Amino acid sequence: MKLQPTTKDILFLRHLCTYLDYFLITPWYDFNQNEAKNVTVKKICGCVFVATKLVWVAFSALDHNLHKFYAKALISQQLMYAFIGACVIFLLILTVCRSSFLGVDNWKTILTNLDKFDTKIKIKEMTMSKSFVYAFVLQQVMYFTLVGYLMYLTCKILGVPILKALCLTLLVDVYYELMTIVLAMSLNDNIRRRYK
């Protein structure tokens, strides 16, 4: 079944999902054909990404700069950092695995139903909420500004190069968490305004 986007907010979802495809957050999806695309390549990319992330975590855990940081922290701070790190890394791996191996049928159902609902109630135009688009852009700008500042502090305090500072922090994982929340918010905004 071919999807005919009747409203701008579904078009926004298409663009958002195309952006999130690069990060393996959403399934690689052909919206016109309403089906997954390059499934085998996606699974290989997902496996490579998860393996790379696990190796990255292992090497980061062995780094002496991280041990220096841990030595200065209180036991409660050490436990909290380890717990938050494990949760965020688990979310990243779960997100990549789900988009690479599972959930494509759910994705197809959501998009088909949104399209059918628009056709059934004869929506001529449903634009994406401008405040949502501005919030999306603002989140991206704020995140990368904070990342720049955090990288500067990490490099200055620990005296390590930028690449190593990136390995010692959870910035990539936190970005995945942020983008997963943005996707959930945009789907929620689409559904909420249709049933208003």
C-alpha atoms as a PDB file:
ATOM      1  CA  MET A   1       0.000   0.000   0.000  1.00  0.00           C
ATOM      2  CA  LYS A   2       1.411   3.351  -1.022  1.00  0.00           C
ATOM      3  CA  LEU A   3       1.280   6.149   1.548  1.00  0.00           C
ATOM      4  CA  GLN A   4       0.008   9.480   0.282  1.00  0.00           C
ATOM      5  CA  PRO A   5       0.864  12.107   2.900  1.00  0.00           C
ATOM      6  CA  THR A   6      -2.093  14.450   3.058  1.00  0.00           C
ATOM      7  CA  THR A   7      -0.741  16.689   5.759  1.00  0.00           C
ATOM      8  CA  LYS A   8       2.450  18.529   6.513  1.00  0.00           C
ATOM      9  CA  ASP A   9       2.933  16.925   9.908  1.00  0.00           C
ATOM     10  CA  ILE A  10       3.292  13.491   8.286  1.00  0.00           C
ATOM     11  CA  LEU A  11       5.839  15.065   5.941  1.00  0.00           C
ATOM     12  CA  PHE A  12       7.681  16.348   9.019  1.00  0.00           C
ATOM     13  CA  LEU A  13       7.680  12.795  10.400  1.00  0.00           C
ATOM     14  CA  ARG A  14       9.204  11.600   7.128  1.00  0.00           C
ATOM     15  CA  HIS A  15      12.024  14.149   7.361  1.00  0.00           C
ATOM     16  CA  LEU A  16      12.585  13.485  11.057  1.00  0.00           C
ATOM     17  CA  CYS A  17      12.753   9.735  10.454  1.00  0.00           C
ATOM     18  CA  THR A  18      15.146  10.175   7.533  1.00  0.00           C
ATOM     19  CA  TYR A  19      17.407  12.156   9.909  1.00  0.00           C
ATOM     20  CA  LEU A  20      17.068   9.499  12.639  1.00  0.00           C
ATOM     21  CA  ASP A  21      17.831   6.715  10.119  1.00  0.00           C
ATOM     22  CA  TYR A  22      21.451   7.884  10.061  1.00  0.00           C
ATOM     23  CA  PHE A  23      21.695   7.170  13.796  1.00  0.00           C
ATOM     24  CA  LEU A  24      19.864   3.800  13.584  1.00  0.00           C
ATOM     25  CA  ILE A  25      17.073   5.129  15.821  1.00  0.00           C
ATOM     26  CA  THR A  26      14.269   4.481  13.327  1.00  0.00           C
ATOM     27  CA  PRO A  27      14.023   1.629  10.808  1.00  0.00           C
ATOM     28  CA  TRP A  28      15.252   2.459   7.319  1.00  0.00           C
ATOM     29  CA  TYR A  29      11.878   2.980   5.761  1.00  0.00           C
ATOM     30  CA  ASP A  30      10.529   3.629   2.286  1.00  0.00           C
ATOM     31  CA  PHE A  31       7.535   5.847   3.023  1.00  0.00           C
ATOM     32  CA  ASN A  32       6.209   5.702  -0.534  1.00  0.00           C
ATOM     33  CA  GLN A  33       6.068   1.905  -0.574  1.00  0.00           C
ATOM     34  CA  ASN A  34       5.241   1.721   3.160  1.00  0.00           C
ATOM     35  CA  GLU A  35       7.823  -0.957   3.849  1.00  0.00           C
ATOM     36  CA  ALA A  36      11.294  -1.425   5.292  1.00  0.00           C
ATOM     37  CA  LYS A  37      14.215  -0.892   2.930  1.00  0.00           C
ATOM     38  CA  ASN A  38      17.724  -2.392   2.873  1.00  0.00           C
ATOM     39  CA  VAL A  39      16.837  -4.751   5.733  1.00  0.00           C
ATOM     40  CA  THR A  40      20.016  -6.858   5.487  1.00  0.00           C
ATOM     41  CA  VAL A  41      22.297  -3.814   5.338  1.00  0.00           C
ATOM     42  CA  LYS A  42      20.448  -2.321   8.311  1.00  0.00           C
ATOM     43  CA  LYS A  43      20.987  -5.511  10.370  1.00  0.00           C
ATOM     44  CA  ILE A  44      24.689  -5.552   9.529  1.00  0.00           C
ATOM     45  CA  CYS A  45      25.027  -1.846  10.463  1.00  0.00           C
ATOM     46  CA  GLY A  46      23.149  -2.503  13.726  1.00  0.00           C
ATOM     47  CA  CYS A  47      25.479  -5.401  14.640  1.00  0.00           C
ATOM     48  CA  VAL A  48      28.586  -3.365  13.789  1.00  0.00           C
ATOM     49  CA  PHE A  49      27.324  -0.381  15.796  1.00  0.00           C
ATOM     50  CA  VAL A  50      26.473  -2.459  18.888  1.00  0.00           C
ATOM     51  CA  ALA A  51      29.826  -4.306  18.728  1.00  0.00           C
ATOM     52  CA  THR A  52      31.692  -0.989  18.339  1.00  0.00           C
ATOM     53  CA  LYS A  53      29.812   0.490  21.283  1.00  0.00           C
ATOM     54  CA  LEU A  54      30.601  -2.490  23.528  1.00  0.00           C
ATOM     55  CA  VAL A  55      34.315  -2.352  22.606  1.00  0.00           C
ATOM     56  CA  TRP A  56      34.224   1.415  23.227  1.00  0.00           C
ATOM     57  CA  VAL A  57      32.728   0.844  26.694  1.00  0.00           C
ATOM     58  CA  ALA A  58      35.362  -1.810  27.504  1.00  0.00           C
ATOM     59  CA  PHE A  59      38.285   0.442  26.478  1.00  0.00           C
ATOM     60  CA  SER A  60      36.786   3.420  28.300  1.00  0.00           C
ATOM     61  CA  ALA A  61      36.439   1.371  31.499  1.00  0.00           C
ATOM     62  CA  LEU A  62      40.164   0.515  31.366  1.00  0.00           C
ATOM     63  CA  ASP A  63      41.264   4.136  30.915  1.00  0.00           C
ATOM     64  CA  HIS A  64      43.369   5.482  33.788  1.00  0.00           C
ATOM     65  CA  ASN A  65      41.797   8.973  33.513  1.00  0.00           C
ATOM     66  CA  LEU A  66      38.408   7.473  34.328  1.00  0.00           C
ATOM     67  CA  HIS A  67      39.973   5.707  37.314  1.00  0.00           C
ATOM     68  CA  LYS A  68      41.381   9.061  38.515  1.00  0.00           C
ATOM     69  CA  PHE A  69      37.900  10.563  38.248  1.00  0.00           C
ATOM     70  CA  TYR A  70      36.422   7.642  40.183  1.00  0.00           C
ATOM     71  CA  ALA A  71      39.107   7.876  42.873  1.00  0.00           C
ATOM     72  CA  LYS A  72      38.139  11.502  43.612  1.00  0.00           C
ATOM     73  CA  ALA A  73      34.394  10.837  43.730  1.00  0.00           C
ATOM     74  CA  LEU A  74      32.384   9.719  46.748  1.00  0.00           C
ATOM     75  CA  ILE A  75      31.053   6.149  46.739  1.00  0.00           C
ATOM     76  CA  SER A  76      27.497   7.429  46.172  1.00  0.00           C
ATOM     77  CA  GLN A  77      28.708   9.454  43.159  1.00  0.00           C
ATOM     78  CA  GLN A  78      30.558   6.432  41.793  1.00  0.00           C
ATOM     79  CA  LEU A  79      27.471   4.239  42.092  1.00  0.00           C
ATOM     80  CA  MET A  80      25.212   6.897  40.577  1.00  0.00           C
ATOM     81  CA  TYR A  81      27.564   7.485  37.643  1.00  0.00           C
ATOM     82  CA  ALA A  82      27.835   3.725  36.996  1.00  0.00           C
ATOM     83  CA  PHE A  83      24.050   3.288  37.218  1.00  0.00           C
ATOM     84  CA  ILE A  84      23.271   6.232  34.918  1.00  0.00           C
ATOM     85  CA  GLY A  85      25.978   5.120  32.484  1.00  0.00           C
ATOM     86  CA  ALA A  86      24.634   1.558  32.365  1.00  0.00           C
ATOM     87  CA  CYS A  87      21.048   2.779  31.834  1.00  0.00           C
ATOM     88  CA  VAL A  88      21.951   5.193  29.055  1.00  0.00           C
ATOM     89  CA  ILE A  89      24.183   2.652  27.275  1.00  0.00           C
ATOM     90  CA  PHE A  90      21.454   0.003  27.596  1.00  0.00           C
ATOM     91  CA  LEU A  91      18.904   2.414  26.078  1.00  0.00           C
ATOM     92  CA  LEU A  92      21.236   3.166  23.155  1.00  0.00           C
ATOM     93  CA  ILE A  93      21.831  -0.540  22.436  1.00  0.00           C
ATOM     94  CA  LEU A  94      18.121  -1.357  22.819  1.00  0.00           C
ATOM     95  CA  THR A  95      17.189   1.498  20.459  1.00  0.00           C
ATOM     96  CA  VAL A  96      19.653   0.356  17.791  1.00  0.00           C
ATOM     97  CA  CYS A  97      18.631  -3.312  18.136  1.00  0.00           C
ATOM     98  CA  ARG A  98      14.945  -2.473  17.972  1.00  0.00           C
ATOM     99  CA  SER A  99      15.273  -0.341  14.848  1.00  0.00           C
ATOM    100  CA  SER A 100      17.599  -2.856  13.178  1.00  0.00           C
ATOM    101  CA  PHE A 101      15.864  -6.139  14.023  1.00  0.00           C
ATOM    102  CA  LEU A 102      12.400  -5.471  15.480  1.00  0.00           C
ATOM    103  CA  GLY A 103       9.507  -3.059  15.366  1.00  0.00           C
ATOM    104  CA  VAL A 104       9.208  -2.479  11.599  1.00  0.00           C
ATOM    105  CA  ASP A 105       5.664  -3.907  11.552  1.00  0.00           C
ATOM    106  CA  ASN A 106       4.641  -1.542  14.382  1.00  0.00           C
ATOM    107  CA  TRP A 107       6.110   1.359  12.426  1.00  0.00           C
ATOM    108  CA  LYS A 108       4.156   0.339   9.317  1.00  0.00           C
ATOM    109  CA  THR A 109       0.927   0.094  11.343  1.00  0.00           C
ATOM    110  CA  ILE A 110       1.349   3.560  12.899  1.00  0.00           C
ATOM    111  CA  LEU A 111       2.047   5.281   9.574  1.00  0.00           C
ATOM    112  CA  THR A 112      -0.726   3.436   7.728  1.00  0.00           C
ATOM    113  CA  ASN A 113      -3.252   4.297  10.417  1.00  0.00           C
ATOM    114  CA  LEU A 114      -2.249   7.966  10.504  1.00  0.00           C
ATOM    115  CA  ASP A 115      -2.641   8.135   6.726  1.00  0.00           C
ATOM    116  CA  LYS A 116      -5.990   6.288   6.776  1.00  0.00           C
ATOM    117  CA  PHE A 117      -7.287   8.462   9.599  1.00  0.00           C
ATOM    118  CA  ASP A 118      -6.425  11.638   7.694  1.00  0.00           C
ATOM    119  CA  THR A 119      -8.178  10.309   4.581  1.00  0.00           C
ATOM    120  CA  LYS A 120     -11.246   9.162   6.536  1.00  0.00           C
ATOM    121  CA  ILE A 121     -11.861  12.438   8.333  1.00  0.00           C
ATOM    122  CA  LYS A 122     -10.916  14.378   5.177  1.00  0.00           C
ATOM    123  CA  ILE A 123      -8.195  16.515   6.702  1.00  0.00           C
ATOM    124  CA  LYS A 124      -7.113  18.943   4.022  1.00  0.00           C
ATOM    125  CA  GLU A 125      -4.097  20.285   5.855  1.00  0.00           C
ATOM    126  CA  MET A 126      -2.626  19.629   9.270  1.00  0.00           C
ATOM    127  CA  THR A 127       0.584  21.552   9.667  1.00  0.00           C
ATOM    128  CA  MET A 128       3.231  20.616  12.153  1.00  0.00           C
ATOM    129  CA  SER A 129       3.021  22.682  15.282  1.00  0.00           C
ATOM    130  CA  LYS A 130       5.490  25.576  14.875  1.00  0.00           C
ATOM    131  CA  SER A 131       6.309  25.468  18.580  1.00  0.00           C
ATOM    132  CA  PHE A 132       7.296  21.802  18.183  1.00  0.00           C
ATOM    133  CA  VAL A 133       9.612  22.576  15.259  1.00  0.00           C
ATOM    134  CA  TYR A 134      11.188  25.507  17.133  1.00  0.00           C
ATOM    135  CA  ALA A 135      11.591  23.315  20.230  1.00  0.00           C
ATOM    136  CA  PHE A 136      13.301  20.643  18.096  1.00  0.00           C
ATOM    137  CA  VAL A 137      15.794  23.146  16.670  1.00  0.00           C
ATOM    138  CA  LEU A 138      16.364  24.698  20.103  1.00  0.00           C
ATOM    139  CA  GLN A 139      17.041  21.260  21.644  1.00  0.00           C
ATOM    140  CA  GLN A 140      19.654  20.517  18.989  1.00  0.00           C
ATOM    141  CA  VAL A 141      21.379  23.882  19.475  1.00  0.00           C
ATOM    142  CA  MET A 142      21.325  23.606  23.279  1.00  0.00           C
ATOM    143  CA  TYR A 143      22.610  20.027  23.233  1.00  0.00           C
ATOM    144  CA  PHE A 144      25.566  20.787  20.987  1.00  0.00           C
ATOM    145  CA  THR A 145      26.373  23.966  22.934  1.00  0.00           C
ATOM    146  CA  LEU A 146      26.429  21.982  26.188  1.00  0.00           C
ATOM    147  CA  VAL A 147      28.489  19.238  24.530  1.00  0.00           C
ATOM    148  CA  GLY A 148      31.041  21.805  23.404  1.00  0.00           C
ATOM    149  CA  TYR A 149      31.276  23.254  26.915  1.00  0.00           C
ATOM    150  CA  LEU A 150      31.486  19.807  28.547  1.00  0.00           C
ATOM    151  CA  MET A 151      34.190  18.696  26.096  1.00  0.00           C
ATOM    152  CA  TYR A 152      36.147  21.861  26.864  1.00  0.00           C
ATOM    153  CA  LEU A 153      35.894  21.241  30.620  1.00  0.00           C
ATOM    154  CA  THR A 154      36.765  17.548  30.304  1.00  0.00           C
ATOM    155  CA  CYS A 155      39.797  18.280  28.139  1.00  0.00           C
ATOM    156  CA  LYS A 156      40.974  21.055  30.443  1.00  0.00           C
ATOM    157  CA  ILE A 157      40.440  19.254  33.776  1.00  0.00           C
ATOM    158  CA  LEU A 158      41.658  15.797  32.745  1.00  0.00           C
ATOM    159  CA  GLY A 159      44.211  17.085  30.244  1.00  0.00           C
ATOM    160  CA  VAL A 160      43.186  14.624  27.527  1.00  0.00           C
ATOM    161  CA  PRO A 161      42.603  15.072  23.784  1.00  0.00           C
ATOM    162  CA  ILE A 162      39.070  15.611  22.476  1.00  0.00           C
ATOM    163  CA  LEU A 163      38.613  12.065  21.117  1.00  0.00           C
ATOM    164  CA  LYS A 164      39.554  10.532  24.458  1.00  0.00           C
ATOM    165  CA  ALA A 165      37.280  12.971  26.296  1.00  0.00           C
ATOM    166  CA  LEU A 166      34.441  11.867  24.021  1.00  0.00           C
ATOM    167  CA  CYS A 167      35.166   8.244  24.952  1.00  0.00           C
ATOM    168  CA  LEU A 168      35.140   9.020  28.672  1.00  0.00           C
ATOM    169  CA  THR A 169      31.774  10.792  28.627  1.00  0.00           C
ATOM    170  CA  LEU A 170      28.307   9.535  27.725  1.00  0.00           C
ATOM    171  CA  LEU A 171      27.599  12.246  25.156  1.00  0.00           C
ATOM    172  CA  VAL A 172      26.796   9.902  22.251  1.00  0.00           C
ATOM    173  CA  ASP A 173      24.491   7.813  24.446  1.00  0.00           C
ATOM    174  CA  VAL A 174      22.721  10.874  25.811  1.00  0.00           C
ATOM    175  CA  TYR A 175      22.160  12.127  22.249  1.00  0.00           C
ATOM    176  CA  TYR A 176      20.463   8.837  21.405  1.00  0.00           C
ATOM    177  CA  GLU A 177      18.263   9.219  24.456  1.00  0.00           C
ATOM    178  CA  LEU A 178      17.364  12.791  23.451  1.00  0.00           C
ATOM    179  CA  MET A 179      16.512  11.781  19.864  1.00  0.00           C
ATOM    180  CA  THR A 180      14.408   8.817  21.020  1.00  0.00           C
ATOM    181  CA  ILE A 181      12.420  11.179  23.257  1.00  0.00           C
ATOM    182  CA  VAL A 182      12.029  13.659  20.356  1.00  0.00           C
ATOM    183  CA  LEU A 183      10.647  10.883  18.131  1.00  0.00           C
ATOM    184  CA  ALA A 184       8.168   9.811  20.819  1.00  0.00           C
ATOM    185  CA  MET A 185       7.114  13.454  21.332  1.00  0.00           C
ATOM    186  CA  SER A 186       6.542  14.042  17.611  1.00  0.00           C
ATOM    187  CA  LEU A 187       4.430  10.879  17.254  1.00  0.00           C
ATOM    188  CA  ASN A 188       2.495  11.849  20.363  1.00  0.00           C
ATOM    189  CA  ASP A 189       1.926  15.361  18.997  1.00  0.00           C
ATOM    190  CA  ASN A 190       0.642  13.919  15.705  1.00  0.00           C
ATOM    191  CA  ILE A 191      -1.799  11.546  17.415  1.00  0.00           C
ATOM    192  CA  ARG A 192      -2.948  14.041  20.079  1.00  0.00           C
ATOM    193  CA  ARG A 193      -3.930  16.715  17.544  1.00  0.00           C
ATOM    194  CA  ARG A 194      -5.860  14.230  15.385  1.00  0.00           C
ATOM    195  CA  TYR A 195      -7.972  13.030  18.315  1.00  0.00           C
ATOM    196  CA  LYS A 196      -8.432  16.456  19.862  1.00  0.00           C
END
